[in-house]
Amino acid sequence: MFHLTKQERTVLSLFVLVALLGSVLKCAFARYPTLVDIVNLIDSDRIYRKVDLNTVSVEELVDIPYIGEYTASNIVRYRRDHGPFSSIEQIKNVKGIRDKNYERFYKYLCVR
């Protein structure tokens, strides 16, 4: 048999604790899917209402995750200069909005 030092026992105990906690969380997320929304609060599309791109203001756009003031003002400016949006995908034409950013916030937008 081998002997572990106090420090080695502490590290081993922490490792076992983290592994056990990970297993418990995985089971909890599988059994209660709404926990994922609670943990990922900012990415949850249930928390935020969809806003209409053709009527939304800069202030309302800034409240949407991943849209800052610069992007919000560009969206409103594009709408003013080019007319109402006909689809959500048209927002990709706005200066500063790349595909990666679009994928983050399109679920909070709609066109009526």
PDB file of N, CA and C in Angstrom:
ATOM      1  N   MET A   1       0.852  -1.177   0.000  1.00  0.00           N
ATOM      2  CA  MET A   1       0.000   0.000   0.000  1.00  0.00           C
ATOM      3  C   MET A   1       0.890   1.229   0.000  1.00  0.00           C
ATOM      4  N   PHE A   2       0.378   2.301  -0.542  1.00  0.00           N
ATOM      5  CA  PHE A   2       1.154   3.534  -0.592  1.00  0.00           C
ATOM      6  C   PHE A   2       0.502   4.592   0.286  1.00  0.00           C
ATOM      7  N   HIS A   3       1.319   5.545   0.693  1.00  0.00           N
ATOM      8  CA  HIS A   3       0.855   6.600   1.581  1.00  0.00           C
ATOM      9  C   HIS A   3       0.845   7.925   0.829  1.00  0.00           C
ATOM     10  N   LEU A   4      -0.186   8.701   1.066  1.00  0.00           N
ATOM     11  CA  LEU A   4      -0.310  10.015   0.437  1.00  0.00           C
ATOM     12  C   LEU A   4      -0.028  11.093   1.476  1.00  0.00           C
ATOM     13  N   THR A   5       0.608  12.154   1.012  1.00  0.00           N
ATOM     14  CA  THR A   5       0.837  13.284   1.907  1.00  0.00           C
ATOM     15  C   THR A   5      -0.480  14.030   2.108  1.00  0.00           C
ATOM     16  N   LYS A   6      -0.487  14.938   3.044  1.00  0.00           N
ATOM     17  CA  LYS A   6      -1.700  15.731   3.316  1.00  0.00           C
ATOM     18  C   LYS A   6      -2.088  16.540   2.087  1.00  0.00           C
ATOM     19  N   GLN A   7      -1.115  17.110   1.414  1.00  0.00           N
ATOM     20  CA  GLN A   7      -1.376  17.914   0.225  1.00  0.00           C
ATOM     21  C   GLN A   7      -1.946  17.032  -0.901  1.00  0.00           C
ATOM     22  N   GLU A   8      -1.406  15.844  -1.086  1.00  0.00           N
ATOM     23  CA  GLU A   8      -1.909  14.940  -2.115  1.00  0.00           C
ATOM     24  C   GLU A   8      -3.336  14.492  -1.809  1.00  0.00           C
ATOM     25  N   ARG A   9      -3.634  14.237  -0.546  1.00  0.00           N
ATOM     26  CA  ARG A   9      -5.004  13.860  -0.159  1.00  0.00           C
ATOM     27  C   ARG A   9      -5.974  15.007  -0.425  1.00  0.00           C
ATOM     28  N   THR A  10      -5.532  16.227  -0.140  1.00  0.00           N
ATOM     29  CA  THR A  10      -6.379  17.398  -0.384  1.00  0.00           C
ATOM     30  C   THR A  10      -6.685  17.544  -1.874  1.00  0.00           C
ATOM     31  N   VAL A  11      -5.673  17.419  -2.718  1.00  0.00           N
ATOM     32  CA  VAL A  11      -5.860  17.536  -4.162  1.00  0.00           C
ATOM     33  C   VAL A  11      -6.771  16.427  -4.668  1.00  0.00           C
ATOM     34  N   LEU A  12      -6.558  15.217  -4.208  1.00  0.00           N
ATOM     35  CA  LEU A  12      -7.389  14.092  -4.610  1.00  0.00           C
ATOM     36  C   LEU A  12      -8.837  14.283  -4.160  1.00  0.00           C
ATOM     37  N   SER A  13      -9.028  14.778  -2.957  1.00  0.00           N
ATOM     38  CA  SER A  13     -10.380  15.050  -2.456  1.00  0.00           C
ATOM     39  C   SER A  13     -11.071  16.113  -3.290  1.00  0.00           C
ATOM     40  N   LEU A  14     -10.373  17.166  -3.642  1.00  0.00           N
ATOM     41  CA  LEU A  14     -10.951  18.221  -4.478  1.00  0.00           C
ATOM     42  C   LEU A  14     -11.316  17.686  -5.857  1.00  0.00           C
ATOM     43  N   PHE A  15     -10.459  16.852  -6.405  1.00  0.00           N
ATOM     44  CA  PHE A  15     -10.745  16.261  -7.715  1.00  0.00           C
ATOM     45  C   PHE A  15     -12.018  15.421  -7.664  1.00  0.00           C
ATOM     46  N   VAL A  16     -12.144  14.590  -6.652  1.00  0.00           N
ATOM     47  CA  VAL A  16     -13.333  13.754  -6.497  1.00  0.00           C
ATOM     48  C   VAL A  16     -14.570  14.626  -6.301  1.00  0.00           C
ATOM     49  N   LEU A  17     -14.447  15.684  -5.518  1.00  0.00           N
ATOM     50  CA  LEU A  17     -15.567  16.588  -5.274  1.00  0.00           C
ATOM     51  C   LEU A  17     -16.027  17.264  -6.565  1.00  0.00           C
ATOM     52  N   VAL A  18     -15.094  17.742  -7.363  1.00  0.00           N
ATOM     53  CA  VAL A  18     -15.440  18.396  -8.628  1.00  0.00           C
ATOM     54  C   VAL A  18     -16.091  17.399  -9.590  1.00  0.00           C
ATOM     55  N   ALA A  19     -15.550  16.197  -9.671  1.00  0.00           N
ATOM     56  CA  ALA A  19     -16.131  15.166 -10.541  1.00  0.00           C
ATOM     57  C   ALA A  19     -17.548  14.814 -10.091  1.00  0.00           C
ATOM     58  N   LEU A  20     -17.753  14.685  -8.797  1.00  0.00           N
ATOM     59  CA  LEU A  20     -19.075  14.378  -8.264  1.00  0.00           C
ATOM     60  C   LEU A  20     -20.056  15.515  -8.535  1.00  0.00           C
ATOM     61  N   LEU A  21     -19.622  16.736  -8.320  1.00  0.00           N
ATOM     62  CA  LEU A  21     -20.473  17.900  -8.577  1.00  0.00           C
ATOM     63  C   LEU A  21     -20.845  17.985 -10.064  1.00  0.00           C
ATOM     64  N   GLY A  22     -19.889  17.726 -10.943  1.00  0.00           N
ATOM     65  CA  GLY A  22     -20.168  17.725 -12.378  1.00  0.00           C
ATOM     66  C   GLY A  22     -21.207  16.688 -12.755  1.00  0.00           C
ATOM     67  N   SER A  23     -21.103  15.508 -12.163  1.00  0.00           N
ATOM     68  CA  SER A  23     -22.071  14.442 -12.431  1.00  0.00           C
ATOM     69  C   SER A  23     -23.462  14.822 -11.939  1.00  0.00           C
ATOM     70  N   VAL A  24     -23.540  15.408 -10.770  1.00  0.00           N
ATOM     71  CA  VAL A  24     -24.828  15.833 -10.216  1.00  0.00           C
ATOM     72  C   VAL A  24     -25.463  16.909 -11.103  1.00  0.00           C
ATOM     73  N   LEU A  25     -24.663  17.882 -11.541  1.00  0.00           N
ATOM     74  CA  LEU A  25     -25.188  18.947 -12.410  1.00  0.00           C
ATOM     75  C   LEU A  25     -25.657  18.391 -13.750  1.00  0.00           C
ATOM     76  N   LYS A  26     -24.906  17.453 -14.310  1.00  0.00           N
ATOM     77  CA  LYS A  26     -25.303  16.863 -15.588  1.00  0.00           C
ATOM     78  C   LYS A  26     -26.646  16.146 -15.456  1.00  0.00           C
ATOM     79  N   CYS A  27     -26.826  15.401 -14.394  1.00  0.00           N
ATOM     80  CA  CYS A  27     -28.102  14.709 -14.157  1.00  0.00           C
ATOM     81  C   CYS A  27     -29.233  15.715 -13.929  1.00  0.00           C
ATOM     82  N   ALA A  28     -28.941  16.769 -13.178  1.00  0.00           N
ATOM     83  CA  ALA A  28     -29.966  17.785 -12.910  1.00  0.00           C
ATOM     84  C   ALA A  28     -30.387  18.488 -14.197  1.00  0.00           C
ATOM     85  N   PHE A  29     -29.424  18.819 -15.071  1.00  0.00           N
ATOM     86  CA  PHE A  29     -29.747  19.475 -16.336  1.00  0.00           C
ATOM     87  C   PHE A  29     -30.551  18.547 -17.244  1.00  0.00           C
ATOM     88  N   ALA A  30     -30.257  17.252 -17.185  1.00  0.00           N
ATOM     89  CA  ALA A  30     -31.002  16.298 -18.009  1.00  0.00           C
ATOM     90  C   ALA A  30     -32.438  16.143 -17.503  1.00  0.00           C
ATOM     91  N   ARG A  31     -32.603  16.141 -16.202  1.00  0.00           N
ATOM     92  CA  ARG A  31     -33.942  15.936 -15.635  1.00  0.00           C
ATOM     93  C   ARG A  31     -34.779  17.214 -15.649  1.00  0.00           C
ATOM     94  N   TYR A  32     -34.141  18.368 -15.445  1.00  0.00           N
ATOM     95  CA  TYR A  32     -34.839  19.654 -15.388  1.00  0.00           C
ATOM     96  C   TYR A  32     -34.233  20.611 -16.425  1.00  0.00           C
ATOM     97  N   PRO A  33     -34.675  20.555 -17.679  1.00  0.00           N
ATOM     98  CA  PRO A  33     -34.091  21.393 -18.741  1.00  0.00           C
ATOM     99  C   PRO A  33     -34.206  22.896 -18.481  1.00  0.00           C
ATOM    100  N   THR A  34     -35.161  23.307 -17.687  1.00  0.00           N
ATOM    101  CA  THR A  34     -35.291  24.742 -17.413  1.00  0.00           C
ATOM    102  C   THR A  34     -34.122  25.265 -16.586  1.00  0.00           C
ATOM    103  N   LEU A  35     -33.404  24.382 -15.912  1.00  0.00           N
ATOM    104  CA  LEU A  35     -32.217  24.816 -15.172  1.00  0.00           C
ATOM    105  C   LEU A  35     -31.151  25.380 -16.097  1.00  0.00           C
ATOM    106  N   VAL A  36     -31.095  24.870 -17.306  1.00  0.00           N
ATOM    107  CA  VAL A  36     -30.127  25.374 -18.280  1.00  0.00           C
ATOM    108  C   VAL A  36     -30.403  26.846 -18.562  1.00  0.00           C
ATOM    109  N   ASP A  37     -31.690  27.203 -18.683  1.00  0.00           N
ATOM    110  CA  ASP A  37     -32.048  28.602 -18.913  1.00  0.00           C
ATOM    111  C   ASP A  37     -31.683  29.475 -17.721  1.00  0.00           C
ATOM    112  N   ILE A  38     -31.816  28.940 -16.541  1.00  0.00           N
ATOM    113  CA  ILE A  38     -31.464  29.713 -15.350  1.00  0.00           C
ATOM    114  C   ILE A  38     -29.958  29.949 -15.304  1.00  0.00           C
ATOM    115  N   VAL A  39     -29.205  28.918 -15.607  1.00  0.00           N
ATOM    116  CA  VAL A  39     -27.742  29.036 -15.583  1.00  0.00           C
ATOM    117  C   VAL A  39     -27.266  29.937 -16.715  1.00  0.00           C
ATOM    118  N   ASN A  40     -27.860  29.782 -17.891  1.00  0.00           N
ATOM    119  CA  ASN A  40     -27.489  30.588 -19.057  1.00  0.00           C
ATOM    120  C   ASN A  40     -28.473  31.732 -19.244  1.00  0.00           C
ATOM    121  N   LEU A  41     -28.700  32.489 -18.209  1.00  0.00           N
ATOM    122  CA  LEU A  41     -29.733  33.513 -18.199  1.00  0.00           C
ATOM    123  C   LEU A  41     -29.603  34.501 -19.349  1.00  0.00           C
ATOM    124  N   ILE A  42     -28.418  34.948 -19.645  1.00  0.00           N
ATOM    125  CA  ILE A  42     -28.265  35.981 -20.676  1.00  0.00           C
ATOM    126  C   ILE A  42     -28.567  35.444 -22.066  1.00  0.00           C
ATOM    127  N   ASP A  43     -28.384  34.163 -22.291  1.00  0.00           N
ATOM    128  CA  ASP A  43     -28.633  33.592 -23.609  1.00  0.00           C
ATOM    129  C   ASP A  43     -30.033  33.023 -23.764  1.00  0.00           C
ATOM    130  N   SER A  44     -30.842  33.118 -22.740  1.00  0.00           N
ATOM    131  CA  SER A  44     -32.163  32.520 -22.794  1.00  0.00           C
ATOM    132  C   SER A  44     -33.111  33.403 -23.582  1.00  0.00           C
ATOM    133  N   ASP A  45     -33.699  32.845 -24.633  1.00  0.00           N
ATOM    134  CA  ASP A  45     -34.664  33.617 -25.417  1.00  0.00           C
ATOM    135  C   ASP A  45     -36.024  33.665 -24.740  1.00  0.00           C
ATOM    136  N   ARG A  46     -36.203  32.969 -23.636  1.00  0.00           N
ATOM    137  CA  ARG A  46     -37.455  33.046 -22.882  1.00  0.00           C
ATOM    138  C   ARG A  46     -37.501  34.291 -22.007  1.00  0.00           C
ATOM    139  N   ILE A  47     -36.361  34.847 -21.682  1.00  0.00           N
ATOM    140  CA  ILE A  47     -36.285  35.994 -20.792  1.00  0.00           C
ATOM    141  C   ILE A  47     -36.637  37.287 -21.533  1.00  0.00           C
ATOM    142  N   TYR A  48     -36.207  37.394 -22.772  1.00  0.00           N
ATOM    143  CA  TYR A  48     -36.382  38.628 -23.533  1.00  0.00           C
ATOM    144  C   TYR A  48     -37.517  38.482 -24.535  1.00  0.00           C
ATOM    145  N   ARG A  49     -38.308  39.520 -24.664  1.00  0.00           N
ATOM    146  CA  ARG A  49     -39.365  39.507 -25.669  1.00  0.00           C
ATOM    147  C   ARG A  49     -38.753  39.883 -27.020  1.00  0.00           C
ATOM    148  N   LYS A  50     -39.374  39.436 -28.083  1.00  0.00           N
ATOM    149  CA  LYS A  50     -38.898  39.793 -29.420  1.00  0.00           C
ATOM    150  C   LYS A  50     -39.318  41.221 -29.726  1.00  0.00           C
ATOM    151  N   VAL A  51     -38.420  41.956 -30.355  1.00  0.00           N
ATOM    152  CA  VAL A  51     -38.730  43.333 -30.733  1.00  0.00           C
ATOM    153  C   VAL A  51     -38.786  43.433 -32.258  1.00  0.00           C
ATOM    154  N   ASP A  52     -39.660  44.276 -32.733  1.00  0.00           N
ATOM    155  CA  ASP A  52     -39.837  44.485 -34.166  1.00  0.00           C
ATOM    156  C   ASP A  52     -38.757  45.435 -34.671  1.00  0.00           C
ATOM    157  N   LEU A  53     -37.994  44.983 -35.638  1.00  0.00           N
ATOM    158  CA  LEU A  53     -36.903  45.795 -36.187  1.00  0.00           C
ATOM    159  C   LEU A  53     -37.400  47.092 -36.818  1.00  0.00           C
ATOM    160  N   ASN A  54     -38.637  47.125 -37.251  1.00  0.00           N
ATOM    161  CA  ASN A  54     -39.146  48.306 -37.935  1.00  0.00           C
ATOM    162  C   ASN A  54     -39.726  49.359 -37.005  1.00  0.00           C
ATOM    163  N   THR A  55     -39.855  49.051 -35.729  1.00  0.00           N
ATOM    164  CA  THR A  55     -40.408  50.035 -34.800  1.00  0.00           C
ATOM    165  C   THR A  55     -39.538  50.257 -33.565  1.00  0.00           C
ATOM    166  N   VAL A  56     -38.525  49.453 -33.379  1.00  0.00           N
ATOM    167  CA  VAL A  56     -37.716  49.500 -32.165  1.00  0.00           C
ATOM    168  C   VAL A  56     -36.844  50.760 -32.132  1.00  0.00           C
ATOM    169  N   SER A  57     -36.618  51.266 -30.917  1.00  0.00           N
ATOM    170  CA  SER A  57     -35.764  52.439 -30.738  1.00  0.00           C
ATOM    171  C   SER A  57     -34.348  51.988 -30.361  1.00  0.00           C
ATOM    172  N   VAL A  58     -33.431  52.921 -30.368  1.00  0.00           N
ATOM    173  CA  VAL A  58     -32.044  52.633 -29.987  1.00  0.00           C
ATOM    174  C   VAL A  58     -31.999  52.117 -28.550  1.00  0.00           C
ATOM    175  N   GLU A  59     -32.755  52.744 -27.662  1.00  0.00           N
ATOM    176  CA  GLU A  59     -32.751  52.351 -26.249  1.00  0.00           C
ATOM    177  C   GLU A  59     -33.234  50.916 -26.063  1.00  0.00           C
ATOM    178  N   GLU A  60     -34.272  50.537 -26.819  1.00  0.00           N
ATOM    179  CA  GLU A  60     -34.785  49.172 -26.717  1.00  0.00           C
ATOM    180  C   GLU A  60     -33.801  48.162 -27.296  1.00  0.00           C
ATOM    181  N   LEU A  61     -33.106  48.536 -28.361  1.00  0.00           N
ATOM    182  CA  LEU A  61     -32.114  47.639 -28.951  1.00  0.00           C
ATOM    183  C   LEU A  61     -30.938  47.405 -28.011  1.00  0.00           C
ATOM    184  N   VAL A  62     -30.545  48.426 -27.279  1.00  0.00           N
ATOM    185  CA  VAL A  62     -29.416  48.290 -26.349  1.00  0.00           C
ATOM    186  C   VAL A  62     -29.750  47.309 -25.232  1.00  0.00           C
ATOM    187  N   ASP A  63     -31.030  47.157 -24.911  1.00  0.00           N
ATOM    188  CA  ASP A  63     -31.444  46.211 -23.873  1.00  0.00           C
ATOM    189  C   ASP A  63     -31.310  44.755 -24.311  1.00  0.00           C
ATOM    190  N   ILE A  64     -31.157  44.517 -25.603  1.00  0.00           N
ATOM    191  CA  ILE A  64     -31.008  43.159 -26.124  1.00  0.00           C
ATOM    192  C   ILE A  64     -29.563  42.706 -25.917  1.00  0.00           C
ATOM    193  N   PRO A  65     -29.373  41.464 -25.478  1.00  0.00           N
ATOM    194  CA  PRO A  65     -28.007  40.962 -25.296  1.00  0.00           C
ATOM    195  C   PRO A  65     -27.202  41.030 -26.588  1.00  0.00           C
ATOM    196  N   TYR A  66     -25.945  41.417 -26.465  1.00  0.00           N
ATOM    197  CA  TYR A  66     -24.966  41.469 -27.554  1.00  0.00           C
ATOM    198  C   TYR A  66     -25.163  42.637 -28.510  1.00  0.00           C
ATOM    199  N   ILE A  67     -26.091  43.544 -28.226  1.00  0.00           N
ATOM    200  CA  ILE A  67     -26.237  44.736 -29.064  1.00  0.00           C
ATOM    201  C   ILE A  67     -25.867  45.942 -28.213  1.00  0.00           C
ATOM    202  N   GLY A  68     -24.821  46.623 -28.638  1.00  0.00           N
ATOM    203  CA  GLY A  68     -24.389  47.821 -27.935  1.00  0.00           C
ATOM    204  C   GLY A  68     -24.987  49.065 -28.557  1.00  0.00           C
ATOM    205  N   GLU A  69     -24.640  50.198 -27.991  1.00  0.00           N
ATOM    206  CA  GLU A  69     -25.206  51.464 -28.472  1.00  0.00           C
ATOM    207  C   GLU A  69     -24.786  51.770 -29.913  1.00  0.00           C
ATOM    208  N   TYR A  70     -23.534  51.477 -30.249  1.00  0.00           N
ATOM    209  CA  TYR A  70     -23.039  51.735 -31.607  1.00  0.00           C
ATOM    210  C   TYR A  70     -23.832  50.917 -32.635  1.00  0.00           C
ATOM    211  N   THR A  71     -23.992  49.632 -32.364  1.00  0.00           N
ATOM    212  CA  THR A  71     -24.725  48.763 -33.284  1.00  0.00           C
ATOM    213  C   THR A  71     -26.196  49.155 -33.349  1.00  0.00           C
ATOM    214  N   ALA A  72     -26.782  49.484 -32.205  1.00  0.00           N
ATOM    215  CA  ALA A  72     -28.189  49.881 -32.174  1.00  0.00           C
ATOM    216  C   ALA A  72     -28.416  51.137 -33.011  1.00  0.00           C
ATOM    217  N   SER A  73     -27.538  52.121 -32.879  1.00  0.00           N
ATOM    218  CA  SER A  73     -27.711  53.347 -33.664  1.00  0.00           C
ATOM    219  C   SER A  73     -27.496  53.076 -35.150  1.00  0.00           C
ATOM    220  N   ASN A  74     -26.607  52.150 -35.491  1.00  0.00           N
ATOM    221  CA  ASN A  74     -26.423  51.778 -36.905  1.00  0.00           C
ATOM    222  C   ASN A  74     -27.662  51.092 -37.473  1.00  0.00           C
ATOM    223  N   ILE A  75     -28.315  50.275 -36.668  1.00  0.00           N
ATOM    224  CA  ILE A  75     -29.542  49.598 -37.120  1.00  0.00           C
ATOM    225  C   ILE A  75     -30.643  50.612 -37.398  1.00  0.00           C
ATOM    226  N   VAL A  76     -30.837  51.543 -36.479  1.00  0.00           N
ATOM    227  CA  VAL A  76     -31.881  52.560 -36.656  1.00  0.00           C
ATOM    228  C   VAL A  76     -31.542  53.474 -37.833  1.00  0.00           C
ATOM    229  N   ARG A  77     -30.272  53.819 -37.979  1.00  0.00           N
ATOM    230  CA  ARG A  77     -29.839  54.666 -39.102  1.00  0.00           C
ATOM    231  C   ARG A  77     -30.072  53.930 -40.424  1.00  0.00           C
ATOM    232  N   TYR A  78     -29.749  52.651 -40.492  1.00  0.00           N
ATOM    233  CA  TYR A  78     -29.967  51.861 -41.711  1.00  0.00           C
ATOM    234  C   TYR A  78     -31.456  51.824 -42.062  1.00  0.00           C
ATOM    235  N   ARG A  79     -32.287  51.632 -41.055  1.00  0.00           N
ATOM    236  CA  ARG A  79     -33.741  51.594 -41.282  1.00  0.00           C
ATOM    237  C   ARG A  79     -34.233  52.943 -41.811  1.00  0.00           C
ATOM    238  N   ARG A  80     -33.710  54.030 -41.249  1.00  0.00           N
ATOM    239  CA  ARG A  80     -34.117  55.372 -41.693  1.00  0.00           C
ATOM    240  C   ARG A  80     -33.674  55.626 -43.138  1.00  0.00           C
ATOM    241  N   ASP A  81     -32.459  55.180 -43.485  1.00  0.00           N
ATOM    242  CA  ASP A  81     -31.910  55.449 -44.811  1.00  0.00           C
ATOM    243  C   ASP A  81     -32.440  54.516 -45.898  1.00  0.00           C
ATOM    244  N   HIS A  82     -32.746  53.257 -45.554  1.00  0.00           N
ATOM    245  CA  HIS A  82     -33.116  52.266 -46.552  1.00  0.00           C
ATOM    246  C   HIS A  82     -34.567  51.798 -46.462  1.00  0.00           C
ATOM    247  N   GLY A  83     -35.310  52.323 -45.528  1.00  0.00           N
ATOM    248  CA  GLY A  83     -36.699  51.907 -45.379  1.00  0.00           C
ATOM    249  C   GLY A  83     -36.828  50.722 -44.434  1.00  0.00           C
ATOM    250  N   PRO A  84     -38.051  50.245 -44.236  1.00  0.00           N
ATOM    251  CA  PRO A  84     -38.278  49.162 -43.276  1.00  0.00           C
ATOM    252  C   PRO A  84     -37.602  47.858 -43.709  1.00  0.00           C
ATOM    253  N   PHE A  85     -37.278  47.055 -42.706  1.00  0.00           N
ATOM    254  CA  PHE A  85     -36.692  45.742 -42.956  1.00  0.00           C
ATOM    255  C   PHE A  85     -37.773  44.801 -43.479  1.00  0.00           C
ATOM    256  N   SER A  86     -37.432  44.008 -44.469  1.00  0.00           N
ATOM    257  CA  SER A  86     -38.379  43.022 -44.992  1.00  0.00           C
ATOM    258  C   SER A  86     -38.148  41.644 -44.377  1.00  0.00           C
ATOM    259  N   SER A  87     -36.957  41.426 -43.815  1.00  0.00           N
ATOM    260  CA  SER A  87     -36.658  40.166 -43.134  1.00  0.00           C
ATOM    261  C   SER A  87     -35.571  40.424 -42.086  1.00  0.00           C
ATOM    262  N   ILE A  88     -35.462  39.502 -41.148  1.00  0.00           N
ATOM    263  CA  ILE A  88     -34.439  39.647 -40.105  1.00  0.00           C
ATOM    264  C   ILE A  88     -33.047  39.538 -40.712  1.00  0.00           C
ATOM    265  N   GLU A  89     -32.881  38.682 -41.723  1.00  0.00           N
ATOM    266  CA  GLU A  89     -31.567  38.494 -42.345  1.00  0.00           C
ATOM    267  C   GLU A  89     -31.021  39.776 -42.970  1.00  0.00           C
ATOM    268  N   GLN A  90     -31.897  40.700 -43.296  1.00  0.00           N
ATOM    269  CA  GLN A  90     -31.485  41.967 -43.904  1.00  0.00           C
ATOM    270  C   GLN A  90     -30.622  42.780 -42.941  1.00  0.00           C
ATOM    271  N   ILE A  91     -30.697  42.478 -41.655  1.00  0.00           N
ATOM    272  CA  ILE A  91     -29.908  43.210 -40.664  1.00  0.00           C
ATOM    273  C   ILE A  91     -28.417  42.967 -40.853  1.00  0.00           C
ATOM    274  N   LYS A  92     -28.065  41.900 -41.561  1.00  0.00           N
ATOM    275  CA  LYS A  92     -26.652  41.619 -41.839  1.00  0.00           C
ATOM    276  C   LYS A  92     -26.033  42.691 -42.723  1.00  0.00           C
ATOM    277  N   ASN A  93     -26.864  43.481 -43.412  1.00  0.00           N
ATOM    278  CA  ASN A  93     -26.358  44.557 -44.257  1.00  0.00           C
ATOM    279  C   ASN A  93     -25.949  45.788 -43.459  1.00  0.00           C
ATOM    280  N   VAL A  94     -26.309  45.831 -42.196  1.00  0.00           N
ATOM    281  CA  VAL A  94     -25.986  46.972 -41.343  1.00  0.00           C
ATOM    282  C   VAL A  94     -24.495  46.942 -41.022  1.00  0.00           C
ATOM    283  N   LYS A  95     -23.881  48.106 -41.084  1.00  0.00           N
ATOM    284  CA  LYS A  95     -22.447  48.225 -40.807  1.00  0.00           C
ATOM    285  C   LYS A  95     -22.136  47.722 -39.388  1.00  0.00           C
ATOM    286  N   GLY A  96     -21.157  46.843 -39.287  1.00  0.00           N
ATOM    287  CA  GLY A  96     -20.707  46.353 -37.995  1.00  0.00           C
ATOM    288  C   GLY A  96     -21.339  45.049 -37.540  1.00  0.00           C
ATOM    289  N   ILE A  97     -22.316  44.536 -38.279  1.00  0.00           N
ATOM    290  CA  ILE A  97     -22.958  43.284 -37.884  1.00  0.00           C
ATOM    291  C   ILE A  97     -22.401  42.153 -38.754  1.00  0.00           C
ATOM    292  N   ARG A  98     -21.687  41.257 -38.090  1.00  0.00           N
ATOM    293  CA  ARG A  98     -21.133  40.098 -38.778  1.00  0.00           C
ATOM    294  C   ARG A  98     -21.998  38.880 -38.477  1.00  0.00           C
ATOM    295  N   ASP A  99     -21.746  37.807 -39.209  1.00  0.00           N
ATOM    296  CA  ASP A  99     -22.529  36.577 -39.032  1.00  0.00           C
ATOM    297  C   ASP A  99     -22.481  36.075 -37.598  1.00  0.00           C
ATOM    298  N   LYS A 100     -21.314  36.154 -36.971  1.00  0.00           N
ATOM    299  CA  LYS A 100     -21.169  35.671 -35.595  1.00  0.00           C
ATOM    300  C   LYS A 100     -22.059  36.472 -34.642  1.00  0.00           C
ATOM    301  N   ASN A 101     -22.079  37.792 -34.796  1.00  0.00           N
ATOM    302  CA  ASN A 101     -22.924  38.637 -33.955  1.00  0.00           C
ATOM    303  C   ASN A 101     -24.404  38.379 -34.242  1.00  0.00           C
ATOM    304  N   TYR A 102     -24.725  38.242 -35.512  1.00  0.00           N
ATOM    305  CA  TYR A 102     -26.110  37.982 -35.909  1.00  0.00           C
ATOM    306  C   TYR A 102     -26.625  36.706 -35.247  1.00  0.00           C
ATOM    307  N   GLU A 103     -25.817  35.663 -35.228  1.00  0.00           N
ATOM    308  CA  GLU A 103     -26.227  34.392 -34.622  1.00  0.00           C
ATOM    309  C   GLU A 103     -26.516  34.543 -33.137  1.00  0.00           C
ATOM    310  N   ARG A 104     -25.907  35.512 -32.487  1.00  0.00           N
ATOM    311  CA  ARG A 104     -26.111  35.717 -31.054  1.00  0.00           C
ATOM    312  C   ARG A 104     -27.431  36.408 -30.739  1.00  0.00           C
ATOM    313  N   PHE A 105     -27.857  37.341 -31.575  1.00  0.00           N
ATOM    314  CA  PHE A 105     -29.022  38.135 -31.189  1.00  0.00           C
ATOM    315  C   PHE A 105     -30.218  38.055 -32.119  1.00  0.00           C
ATOM    316  N   TYR A 106     -30.166  37.294 -33.190  1.00  0.00           N
ATOM    317  CA  TYR A 106     -31.317  37.261 -34.115  1.00  0.00           C
ATOM    318  C   TYR A 106     -32.576  36.721 -33.454  1.00  0.00           C
ATOM    319  N   LYS A 107     -32.428  35.848 -32.463  1.00  0.00           N
ATOM    320  CA  LYS A 107     -33.604  35.236 -31.826  1.00  0.00           C
ATOM    321  C   LYS A 107     -34.417  36.220 -30.999  1.00  0.00           C
ATOM    322  N   TYR A 108     -33.882  37.410 -30.768  1.00  0.00           N
ATOM    323  CA  TYR A 108     -34.590  38.431 -30.006  1.00  0.00           C
ATOM    324  C   TYR A 108     -35.289  39.438 -30.932  1.00  0.00           C
ATOM    325  N   LEU A 109     -35.180  39.236 -32.245  1.00  0.00           N
ATOM    326  CA  LEU A 109     -35.716  40.196 -33.218  1.00  0.00           C
ATOM    327  C   LEU A 109     -36.813  39.554 -34.061  1.00  0.00           C
ATOM    328  N   CYS A 110     -37.672  40.403 -34.593  1.00  0.00           N
ATOM    329  CA  CYS A 110     -38.682  39.938 -35.540  1.00  0.00           C
ATOM    330  C   CYS A 110     -38.986  41.083 -36.492  1.00  0.00           C
ATOM    331  N   VAL A 111     -39.675  40.759 -37.581  1.00  0.00           N
ATOM    332  CA  VAL A 111     -40.133  41.752 -38.552  1.00  0.00           C
ATOM    333  C   VAL A 111     -41.623  41.507 -38.742  1.00  0.00           C
ATOM    334  N   ARG A 112     -42.408  42.504 -38.435  1.00  0.00           N
ATOM    335  CA  ARG A 112     -43.878  42.366 -38.563  1.00  0.00           C
ATOM    336  C   ARG A 112     -44.365  43.139 -39.765  1.00  0.00           C
TER     337      ARG A 112
END
